[in-house]
Structures are given as structure tokens and as C-alpha cells.
Amino acid sequence: MVPQDTRESLSHYSEKLLDTYTAMFANSTFITYAFYTFLAQPAGQGVLFRNYYDFTLDITGRKWLMASIPFVLFGIMRYMQLIYEGKGESPEKVLMSDLPLLVTVLLWIGSIFFVIYGIGG
């Protein structure tokens, strides 16, 4: 018998298996994003810092997108915490109602815009 508070399709999977899948895909998401930021090619000169090489050290290939990794890691960890607290049934409601998660997403977007359009890397 399926409890009324869960979807019927979830009755075909054990809770332990679903926990394993959740952890596996959260780790895969983080690792994929980290690889993407490491392998992304710099876009060119940014709008804010046109003479980039004059006043900064060059990190091998200018991998500045890697600076956004902590935001992604915290966001995934926070979302996982909310799921295990029983608040993860509707991802869009979780995102809009959880202030730390929403602030993290906004900081991530800000860091991406700064890296791409500010310093061009």
C-alpha cells in the first residue's frame, strides 16, 4: 500500500535505493560542473577590466569560472538538506521559499556575470 503523501511511482523503489540515487546524482552534478568550469575556454576581454594582464597574475588559461564552484556545492548541499528534512517535493517552491538557497543562486548568477562580462574569463 502506497502512503497518500507520496507519488505512486515511488512505490516501486526502496527508500535506500532512492537515497543512493539522490547522492549519486548530486555528486555527478557537482563533478560535471567542476569539470565544465575547469575546461571552459576564456571568452576574451571583459568589459570592466580591459587591461587584465597589466595588473593580475595569469592563472593557467584564466580559469575564473572555477570561482563559482563553492556556490554550486553549497546550493547542492542545501537542497539535499531540504530534501531530507521533507521539504523537497516541489523544487520550484523550495527554491523560492528558502532564503539561503535563493541567495546562493543569486550569488552564483552574479559571479558568472562578473567572470564572463567583467573580466572575460
Protein backbone atom coordinates (compact mmCIF):
# COMPACT_ATOMS: atom_id res chain seq x y z
CA MET A 1 0.00 0.00 0.00
CA VAL A 2 1.37 3.41 -1.02
CA PRO A 3 1.08 6.23 1.54
CA GLN A 4 -1.08 9.13 0.39
CA ASP A 5 1.71 11.70 0.71
CA THR A 6 3.98 10.20 -1.99
CA ARG A 7 3.68 9.57 -5.71
CA GLU A 8 2.63 6.06 -6.70
CA SER A 9 5.64 5.67 -9.00
CA LEU A 10 7.95 5.91 -5.97
CA SER A 11 6.44 2.75 -4.50
CA HIS A 12 8.49 0.67 -6.94
CA TYR A 13 11.77 1.77 -5.36
CA SER A 14 13.10 1.20 -1.88
CA GLU A 15 13.94 4.24 0.24
CA LYS A 16 17.57 3.15 0.48
CA LEU A 17 17.85 2.90 -3.31
CA LEU A 18 16.33 6.36 -3.77
CA ASP A 19 18.75 7.80 -1.21
CA THR A 20 21.64 6.22 -3.10
CA TYR A 21 20.39 7.63 -6.41
CA THR A 22 19.97 11.07 -4.88
CA ALA A 23 23.52 11.09 -3.51
CA MET A 24 24.94 9.68 -6.74
CA PHE A 25 23.29 12.30 -8.95
CA ALA A 26 24.13 15.16 -6.59
CA ASN A 27 27.80 14.15 -6.75
CA SER A 28 27.63 13.72 -10.52
CA THR A 29 26.13 17.18 -10.89
CA PHE A 30 28.86 18.78 -8.81
CA ILE A 31 31.70 16.93 -10.56
CA THR A 32 30.30 17.72 -14.01
CA TYR A 33 30.02 21.42 -13.16
CA ALA A 34 33.55 21.46 -11.74
CA PHE A 35 34.91 19.83 -14.92
CA TYR A 36 32.97 22.32 -17.04
CA THR A 37 34.45 25.30 -15.22
CA PHE A 38 37.94 23.85 -15.45
CA LEU A 39 37.69 23.01 -19.16
CA ALA A 40 35.83 26.15 -20.32
CA GLN A 41 37.90 28.40 -22.56
CA PRO A 42 38.14 32.08 -21.58
CA ALA A 43 35.71 34.25 -23.51
CA GLY A 44 38.17 37.06 -24.14
CA GLN A 45 38.49 40.54 -22.71
CA GLY A 46 35.90 41.64 -20.24
CA VAL A 47 34.07 44.94 -20.16
CA LEU A 48 35.24 46.04 -16.71
CA PHE A 49 38.89 45.06 -16.86
CA ARG A 50 40.19 45.63 -20.39
CA ASN A 51 43.88 45.63 -19.40
CA TYR A 52 43.53 42.40 -17.49
CA TYR A 53 47.14 41.30 -17.93
CA ASP A 54 48.54 44.61 -16.67
CA PHE A 55 47.54 44.14 -13.05
CA THR A 56 46.74 40.49 -12.36
CA LEU A 57 48.58 37.22 -12.44
CA ASP A 58 47.52 34.81 -15.14
CA ILE A 59 46.12 31.59 -13.76
CA THR A 60 46.84 28.85 -16.28
CA GLY A 61 44.34 29.61 -19.01
CA ARG A 62 42.40 32.06 -16.79
CA LYS A 63 40.01 29.56 -15.24
CA TRP A 64 38.00 32.16 -13.34
CA LEU A 65 34.73 30.23 -13.68
CA MET A 66 36.15 27.89 -11.06
CA ALA A 67 35.46 30.64 -8.53
CA SER A 68 31.75 29.81 -8.83
CA ILE A 69 32.22 26.19 -7.66
CA PRO A 70 31.63 26.94 -3.94
CA PHE A 71 28.21 28.43 -4.73
CA VAL A 72 27.21 25.32 -6.67
CA LEU A 73 28.49 23.00 -3.97
CA PHE A 74 26.67 24.89 -1.21
CA GLY A 75 23.48 25.01 -3.32
CA ILE A 76 23.51 21.25 -3.87
CA MET A 77 24.24 20.58 -0.21
CA ARG A 78 21.48 22.95 0.94
CA TYR A 79 18.97 21.40 -1.44
CA MET A 80 19.92 17.92 -0.23
CA GLN A 81 19.40 19.08 3.36
CA LEU A 82 15.95 20.38 2.49
CA ILE A 83 15.06 17.13 0.72
CA TYR A 84 16.00 15.09 3.78
CA GLU A 85 14.01 17.45 6.00
CA GLY A 86 10.95 16.60 3.90
CA LYS A 87 10.67 19.92 2.06
CA GLY A 88 11.79 18.79 -1.40
CA GLU A 89 8.59 17.63 -3.08
CA SER A 90 8.37 20.72 -5.30
CA PRO A 91 11.79 22.09 -6.38
CA GLU A 92 10.46 25.46 -7.54
CA LYS A 93 8.70 26.05 -4.21
CA VAL A 94 11.84 25.07 -2.32
CA LEU A 95 13.94 27.50 -4.38
CA MET A 96 11.55 30.40 -3.89
CA SER A 97 10.87 29.80 -0.20
CA ASP A 98 14.34 29.01 1.15
CA LEU A 99 16.31 32.23 1.64
CA PRO A 100 19.82 30.68 1.90
CA LEU A 101 19.27 28.71 -1.32
CA LEU A 102 17.84 31.71 -3.16
CA VAL A 103 20.73 33.94 -2.05
CA THR A 104 23.20 31.27 -3.18
CA VAL A 105 21.62 31.10 -6.63
CA LEU A 106 21.71 34.89 -6.93
CA LEU A 107 25.37 34.99 -5.84
CA TRP A 108 26.17 32.24 -8.35
CA ILE A 109 24.48 34.20 -11.16
CA GLY A 110 26.32 37.35 -10.08
CA SER A 111 29.68 35.57 -10.05
CA ILE A 112 29.06 34.11 -13.51
CA PHE A 113 28.16 37.53 -14.93
CA PHE A 114 31.20 39.09 -13.29
CA VAL A 115 33.56 36.43 -14.64
CA ILE A 116 32.15 36.40 -18.18
CA TYR A 117 31.35 40.08 -18.68
CA GLY A 118 33.64 41.68 -16.10
CA ILE A 119 36.99 40.02 -16.57
CA GLY A 120 36.23 37.96 -19.66
CA GLY A 121 37.46 34.73 -18.29
